[in-house]
Structure formats: C-alpha cells, structure tokens
PDB file of all heavy atoms in Angstrom:
ATOM      1  N   ARG A   1       0.816   0.716  10.859  1.00  0.00           N
ATOM      2  CA  ARG A   1       1.503   1.651   9.975  1.00  0.00           C
ATOM      3  C   ARG A   1       2.177   0.878   8.857  1.00  0.00           C
ATOM      4  O   ARG A   1       2.977  -0.025   9.109  1.00  0.00           O
ATOM      5  CB  ARG A   1       2.541   2.437  10.782  1.00  0.00           C
ATOM      6  CG  ARG A   1       3.227   3.532  10.011  1.00  0.00           C
ATOM      7  CD  ARG A   1       4.359   4.173  10.801  1.00  0.00           C
ATOM      8  NE  ARG A   1       3.913   4.722  12.078  1.00  0.00           N
ATOM      9  CZ  ARG A   1       4.700   5.428  12.871  1.00  0.00           C
ATOM     10  NH1 ARG A   1       5.970   5.644  12.540  1.00  0.00           N
ATOM     11  NH2 ARG A   1       4.246   5.900  13.998  1.00  0.00           N
ATOM     12  N   SER A   2       1.883   1.212   7.610  1.00  0.00           N
ATOM     13  CA  SER A   2       2.349   0.434   6.465  1.00  0.00           C
ATOM     14  C   SER A   2       3.482   1.160   5.751  1.00  0.00           C
ATOM     15  O   SER A   2       3.251   2.163   5.077  1.00  0.00           O
ATOM     16  CB  SER A   2       1.190   0.190   5.480  1.00  0.00           C
ATOM     17  OG  SER A   2       1.661  -0.452   4.319  1.00  0.00           O
ATOM     18  N   PRO A   3       4.721   0.658   5.862  1.00  0.00           N
ATOM     19  CA  PRO A   3       5.828   1.334   5.166  1.00  0.00           C
ATOM     20  C   PRO A   3       5.628   1.406   3.658  1.00  0.00           C
ATOM     21  O   PRO A   3       5.913   2.424   3.037  1.00  0.00           O
ATOM     22  CB  PRO A   3       7.050   0.474   5.533  1.00  0.00           C
ATOM     23  CG  PRO A   3       6.662  -0.287   6.747  1.00  0.00           C
ATOM     24  CD  PRO A   3       5.186  -0.496   6.647  1.00  0.00           C
ATOM     25  N   VAL A   4       5.119   0.319   3.073  1.00  0.00           N
ATOM     26  CA  VAL A   4       5.028   0.303   1.613  1.00  0.00           C
ATOM     27  C   VAL A   4       4.016   1.322   1.111  1.00  0.00           C
ATOM     28  O   VAL A   4       4.169   1.873   0.011  1.00  0.00           O
ATOM     29  CB  VAL A   4       4.699  -1.108   1.101  1.00  0.00           C
ATOM     30  CG1 VAL A   4       3.221  -1.439   1.265  1.00  0.00           C
ATOM     31  CG2 VAL A   4       5.113  -1.273  -0.355  1.00  0.00           C
ATOM     32  N   MET A   5       2.990   1.639   1.904  1.00  0.00           N
ATOM     33  CA  MET A   5       2.029   2.663   1.486  1.00  0.00           C
ATOM     34  C   MET A   5       2.693   4.034   1.466  1.00  0.00           C
ATOM     35  O   MET A   5       2.417   4.853   0.582  1.00  0.00           O
ATOM     36  CB  MET A   5       0.811   2.673   2.409  1.00  0.00           C
ATOM     37  CG  MET A   5      -0.146   1.522   2.182  1.00  0.00           C
ATOM     38  SD  MET A   5      -1.700   1.695   3.089  1.00  0.00           S
ATOM     39  CE  MET A   5      -2.546   2.931   2.103  1.00  0.00           C
ATOM     40  N   LEU A   6       3.564   4.294   2.440  1.00  0.00           N
ATOM     41  CA  LEU A   6       4.287   5.568   2.439  1.00  0.00           C
ATOM     42  C   LEU A   6       5.243   5.628   1.258  1.00  0.00           C
ATOM     43  O   LEU A   6       5.321   6.651   0.565  1.00  0.00           O
ATOM     44  CB  LEU A   6       5.048   5.741   3.746  1.00  0.00           C
ATOM     45  CG  LEU A   6       5.785   7.070   3.899  1.00  0.00           C
ATOM     46  CD1 LEU A   6       4.801   8.238   3.926  1.00  0.00           C
ATOM     47  CD2 LEU A   6       6.652   7.078   5.149  1.00  0.00           C
ATOM     48  N   TRP A   7       5.952   4.538   0.997  1.00  0.00           N
ATOM     49  CA  TRP A   7       6.854   4.509  -0.155  1.00  0.00           C
ATOM     50  C   TRP A   7       6.080   4.744  -1.444  1.00  0.00           C
ATOM     51  O   TRP A   7       6.506   5.504  -2.309  1.00  0.00           O
ATOM     52  CB  TRP A   7       7.560   3.157  -0.252  1.00  0.00           C
ATOM     53  CG  TRP A   7       8.424   2.784   0.914  1.00  0.00           C
ATOM     54  CD1 TRP A   7       8.628   3.508   2.067  1.00  0.00           C
ATOM     55  CD2 TRP A   7       9.180   1.583   1.068  1.00  0.00           C
ATOM     56  NE1 TRP A   7       9.455   2.831   2.913  1.00  0.00           N
ATOM     57  CE2 TRP A   7       9.822   1.641   2.327  1.00  0.00           C
ATOM     58  CE3 TRP A   7       9.373   0.467   0.269  1.00  0.00           C
ATOM     59  CZ2 TRP A   7      10.649   0.613   2.790  1.00  0.00           C
ATOM     60  CZ3 TRP A   7      10.189  -0.559   0.729  1.00  0.00           C
ATOM     61  CH2 TRP A   7      10.823  -0.483   1.975  1.00  0.00           C
ATOM     62  N   SER A   8       4.933   4.083  -1.574  1.00  0.00           N
ATOM     63  CA  SER A   8       4.125   4.211  -2.778  1.00  0.00           C
ATOM     64  C   SER A   8       3.589   5.632  -2.933  1.00  0.00           C
ATOM     65  O   SER A   8       3.642   6.218  -4.023  1.00  0.00           O
ATOM     66  CB  SER A   8       2.969   3.208  -2.727  1.00  0.00           C
ATOM     67  OG  SER A   8       2.135   3.323  -3.855  1.00  0.00           O
ATOM     68  N   ALA A   9       3.084   6.216  -1.829  1.00  0.00           N
ATOM     69  CA  ALA A   9       2.531   7.571  -1.893  1.00  0.00           C
ATOM     70  C   ALA A   9       3.599   8.583  -2.264  1.00  0.00           C
ATOM     71  O   ALA A   9       3.383   9.455  -3.120  1.00  0.00           O
ATOM     72  CB  ALA A   9       1.892   7.935  -0.551  1.00  0.00           C
ATOM     73  N   ARG A  10       4.763   8.475  -1.626  1.00  0.00           N
ATOM     74  CA  ARG A  10       5.809   9.472  -1.851  1.00  0.00           C
ATOM     75  C   ARG A  10       6.465   9.327  -3.227  1.00  0.00           C
ATOM     76  O   ARG A  10       7.168  10.243  -3.669  1.00  0.00           O
ATOM     77  CB  ARG A  10       6.867   9.366  -0.746  1.00  0.00           C
ATOM     78  CG  ARG A  10       6.325   9.699   0.665  1.00  0.00           C
ATOM     79  CD  ARG A  10       6.015  11.168   0.826  1.00  0.00           C
ATOM     80  NE  ARG A  10       5.369  11.477   2.094  1.00  0.00           N
ATOM     81  CZ  ARG A  10       6.003  11.822   3.221  1.00  0.00           C
ATOM     82  NH1 ARG A  10       7.326  11.876   3.233  1.00  0.00           N
ATOM     83  NH2 ARG A  10       5.325  12.098   4.308  1.00  0.00           N
ATOM     84  N   THR A  11       6.247   8.202  -3.894  1.00  0.00           N
ATOM     85  CA  THR A  11       6.785   8.023  -5.251  1.00  0.00           C
ATOM     86  C   THR A  11       5.690   8.106  -6.318  1.00  0.00           C
ATOM     87  O   THR A  11       5.925   7.771  -7.479  1.00  0.00           O
ATOM     88  CB  THR A  11       7.511   6.667  -5.383  1.00  0.00           C
ATOM     89  OG1 THR A  11       6.599   5.609  -5.068  1.00  0.00           O
ATOM     90  CG2 THR A  11       8.711   6.600  -4.457  1.00  0.00           C
ATOM     91  N   GLY A  12       4.494   8.539  -5.927  1.00  0.00           N
ATOM     92  CA  GLY A  12       3.420   8.703  -6.904  1.00  0.00           C
ATOM     93  C   GLY A  12       2.879   7.413  -7.460  1.00  0.00           C
ATOM     94  O   GLY A  12       2.490   7.352  -8.633  1.00  0.00           O
ATOM     95  N   LEU A  13       2.805   6.364  -6.610  1.00  0.00           N
ATOM     96  CA  LEU A  13       2.312   5.048  -7.034  1.00  0.00           C
ATOM     97  C   LEU A  13       3.120   4.515  -8.217  1.00  0.00           C
ATOM     98  O   LEU A  13       2.582   4.003  -9.191  1.00  0.00           O
ATOM     99  CB  LEU A  13       0.813   5.097  -7.385  1.00  0.00           C
ATOM    100  CG  LEU A  13      -0.177   4.927  -6.225  1.00  0.00           C
ATOM    101  CD1 LEU A  13      -0.086   6.067  -5.225  1.00  0.00           C
ATOM    102  CD2 LEU A  13      -1.598   4.779  -6.726  1.00  0.00           C
ATOM    103  N   ALA A  14       4.439   4.630  -8.089  1.00  0.00           N
ATOM    104  CA  ALA A  14       5.316   4.222  -9.192  1.00  0.00           C
ATOM    105  C   ALA A  14       5.390   2.710  -9.345  1.00  0.00           C
ATOM    106  O   ALA A  14       5.782   2.213 -10.405  1.00  0.00           O
ATOM    107  CB  ALA A  14       6.725   4.788  -8.974  1.00  0.00           C
ATOM    108  N   PHE A  15       5.034   1.956  -8.309  1.00  0.00           N
ATOM    109  CA  PHE A  15       5.140   0.493  -8.373  1.00  0.00           C
ATOM    110  C   PHE A  15       3.940  -0.122  -7.663  1.00  0.00           C
ATOM    111  O   PHE A  15       3.221   0.533  -6.903  1.00  0.00           O
ATOM    112  CB  PHE A  15       6.433   0.019  -7.713  1.00  0.00           C
ATOM    113  CG  PHE A  15       6.597   0.507  -6.295  1.00  0.00           C
ATOM    114  CD1 PHE A  15       6.037  -0.168  -5.226  1.00  0.00           C
ATOM    115  CD2 PHE A  15       7.320   1.663  -6.029  1.00  0.00           C
ATOM    116  CE1 PHE A  15       6.169   0.281  -3.924  1.00  0.00           C
ATOM    117  CE2 PHE A  15       7.472   2.134  -4.732  1.00  0.00           C
ATOM    118  CZ  PHE A  15       6.896   1.441  -3.676  1.00  0.00           C
ATOM    119  N   SER A  16       3.725  -1.409  -7.909  1.00  0.00           N
ATOM    120  CA  SER A  16       2.678  -2.157  -7.211  1.00  0.00           C
ATOM    121  C   SER A  16       3.308  -2.916  -6.061  1.00  0.00           C
ATOM    122  O   SER A  16       4.489  -3.278  -6.095  1.00  0.00           O
ATOM    123  CB  SER A  16       1.991  -3.133  -8.169  1.00  0.00           C
ATOM    124  OG  SER A  16       1.311  -2.429  -9.184  1.00  0.00           O
ATOM    125  N   ALA A  17       2.495  -3.159  -5.015  1.00  0.00           N
ATOM    126  CA  ALA A  17       3.024  -3.819  -3.823  1.00  0.00           C
ATOM    127  C   ALA A  17       1.911  -4.602  -3.141  1.00  0.00           C
ATOM    128  O   ALA A  17       0.734  -4.249  -3.246  1.00  0.00           O
ATOM    129  CB  ALA A  17       3.604  -2.791  -2.855  1.00  0.00           C
ATOM    130  N   PRO A  18       2.269  -5.672  -2.425  1.00  0.00           N
ATOM    131  CA  PRO A  18       1.268  -6.383  -1.627  1.00  0.00           C
ATOM    132  C   PRO A  18       1.041  -5.669  -0.301  1.00  0.00           C
ATOM    133  O   PRO A  18       1.782  -4.768   0.084  1.00  0.00           O
ATOM    134  CB  PRO A  18       1.910  -7.749  -1.408  1.00  0.00           C
ATOM    135  CG  PRO A  18       3.382  -7.469  -1.412  1.00  0.00           C
ATOM    136  CD  PRO A  18       3.584  -6.344  -2.389  1.00  0.00           C
ATOM    137  N   GLY A  19      -0.013  -6.096   0.409  1.00  0.00           N
ATOM    138  CA  GLY A  19      -0.280  -5.549   1.732  1.00  0.00           C
ATOM    139  C   GLY A  19      -0.882  -4.170   1.677  1.00  0.00           C
ATOM    140  O   GLY A  19      -1.360  -3.693   0.650  1.00  0.00           O
ATOM    141  N   GLY A  20      -0.863  -3.495   2.829  1.00  0.00           N
ATOM    142  CA  GLY A  20      -1.400  -2.156   2.932  1.00  0.00           C
ATOM    143  C   GLY A  20      -2.440  -2.037   4.026  1.00  0.00           C
ATOM    144  O   GLY A  20      -2.892  -3.027   4.604  1.00  0.00           O
ATOM    145  N   TYR A  21      -2.812  -0.800   4.303  1.00  0.00           N
ATOM    146  CA  TYR A  21      -3.777  -0.448   5.357  1.00  0.00           C
ATOM    147  C   TYR A  21      -5.071  -0.031   4.670  1.00  0.00           C
ATOM    148  O   TYR A  21      -5.170   1.067   4.130  1.00  0.00           O
ATOM    149  CB  TYR A  21      -3.171   0.673   6.195  1.00  0.00           C
ATOM    150  CG  TYR A  21      -4.055   1.259   7.273  1.00  0.00           C
ATOM    151  CD1 TYR A  21      -5.054   0.514   7.892  1.00  0.00           C
ATOM    152  CD2 TYR A  21      -3.871   2.561   7.699  1.00  0.00           C
ATOM    153  CE1 TYR A  21      -5.850   1.055   8.886  1.00  0.00           C
ATOM    154  CE2 TYR A  21      -4.644   3.124   8.700  1.00  0.00           C
ATOM    155  CZ  TYR A  21      -5.633   2.364   9.296  1.00  0.00           C
ATOM    156  OH  TYR A  21      -6.409   2.917  10.277  1.00  0.00           O
ATOM    157  N   PHE A  22      -6.051  -0.919   4.676  1.00  0.00           N
ATOM    158  CA  PHE A  22      -7.330  -0.675   4.010  1.00  0.00           C
ATOM    159  C   PHE A  22      -8.326  -1.688   4.566  1.00  0.00           C
ATOM    160  O   PHE A  22      -7.971  -2.530   5.398  1.00  0.00           O
ATOM    161  CB  PHE A  22      -7.202  -0.845   2.490  1.00  0.00           C
ATOM    162  CG  PHE A  22      -6.754  -2.234   2.083  1.00  0.00           C
ATOM    163  CD1 PHE A  22      -7.677  -3.214   1.764  1.00  0.00           C
ATOM    164  CD2 PHE A  22      -5.402  -2.558   2.042  1.00  0.00           C
ATOM    165  CE1 PHE A  22      -7.278  -4.497   1.423  1.00  0.00           C
ATOM    166  CE2 PHE A  22      -4.994  -3.836   1.697  1.00  0.00           C
ATOM    167  CZ  PHE A  22      -5.928  -4.805   1.383  1.00  0.00           C
ATOM    168  N   ILE A  23      -9.565  -1.607   4.148  1.00  0.00           N
ATOM    169  CA  ILE A  23     -10.563  -2.605   4.527  1.00  0.00           C
ATOM    170  C   ILE A  23     -10.943  -3.388   3.277  1.00  0.00           C
ATOM    171  O   ILE A  23     -11.228  -2.806   2.230  1.00  0.00           O
ATOM    172  CB  ILE A  23     -11.810  -1.963   5.147  1.00  0.00           C
ATOM    173  CG1 ILE A  23     -11.436  -1.185   6.408  1.00  0.00           C
ATOM    174  CG2 ILE A  23     -12.852  -3.027   5.489  1.00  0.00           C
ATOM    175  CD1 ILE A  23     -12.603  -0.485   7.060  1.00  0.00           C
ATOM    176  N   GLY A  24     -10.944  -4.691   3.389  1.00  0.00           N
ATOM    177  CA  GLY A  24     -11.283  -5.561   2.267  1.00  0.00           C
ATOM    178  C   GLY A  24     -11.974  -6.816   2.768  1.00  0.00           C
ATOM    179  O   GLY A  24     -12.221  -6.983   3.965  1.00  0.00           O
ATOM    180  N   PRO A  25     -12.287  -7.737   1.869  1.00  0.00           N
ATOM    181  CA  PRO A  25     -12.937  -8.991   2.265  1.00  0.00           C
ATOM    182  C   PRO A  25     -11.954  -9.930   2.952  1.00  0.00           C
ATOM    183  O   PRO A  25     -10.736  -9.829   2.769  1.00  0.00           O
ATOM    184  CB  PRO A  25     -13.430  -9.562   0.939  1.00  0.00           C
ATOM    185  CG  PRO A  25     -12.465  -9.018  -0.073  1.00  0.00           C
ATOM    186  CD  PRO A  25     -12.080  -7.654   0.409  1.00  0.00           C
ATOM    187  N   SER A  26     -12.498 -10.866   3.719  1.00  0.00           N
ATOM    188  CA  SER A  26     -11.645 -11.819   4.442  1.00  0.00           C
ATOM    189  C   SER A  26     -11.046 -12.877   3.531  1.00  0.00           C
ATOM    190  O   SER A  26     -10.069 -13.529   3.893  1.00  0.00           O
ATOM    191  CB  SER A  26     -12.446 -12.503   5.559  1.00  0.00           C
ATOM    192  OG  SER A  26     -12.833 -11.562   6.537  1.00  0.00           O
ATOM    193  N   GLY A  27     -11.613 -13.061   2.353  1.00  0.00           N
ATOM    194  CA  GLY A  27     -11.072 -14.041   1.417  1.00  0.00           C
ATOM    195  C   GLY A  27     -11.891 -14.060   0.146  1.00  0.00           C
ATOM    196  O   GLY A  27     -12.915 -13.377   0.038  1.00  0.00           O
TER     197      GLY A  27
END
C-alpha cells in the first residue's frame, strides 16, 4: 500500500513523488 499514491490521487497529481505501486523494469 503506497501512501504517496493516495496523497497524489486525492490532490489531483499536484506534485511529483518517488516510489509507488506499479510494474516497471528492474533497472
């Protein structure tokens, strides 16, 4: 569970942040 994703969603993506719950490359 990613707190920053909830903060970002509830503020309409008002800021950029590291991390998150998604699938991406290993490097």
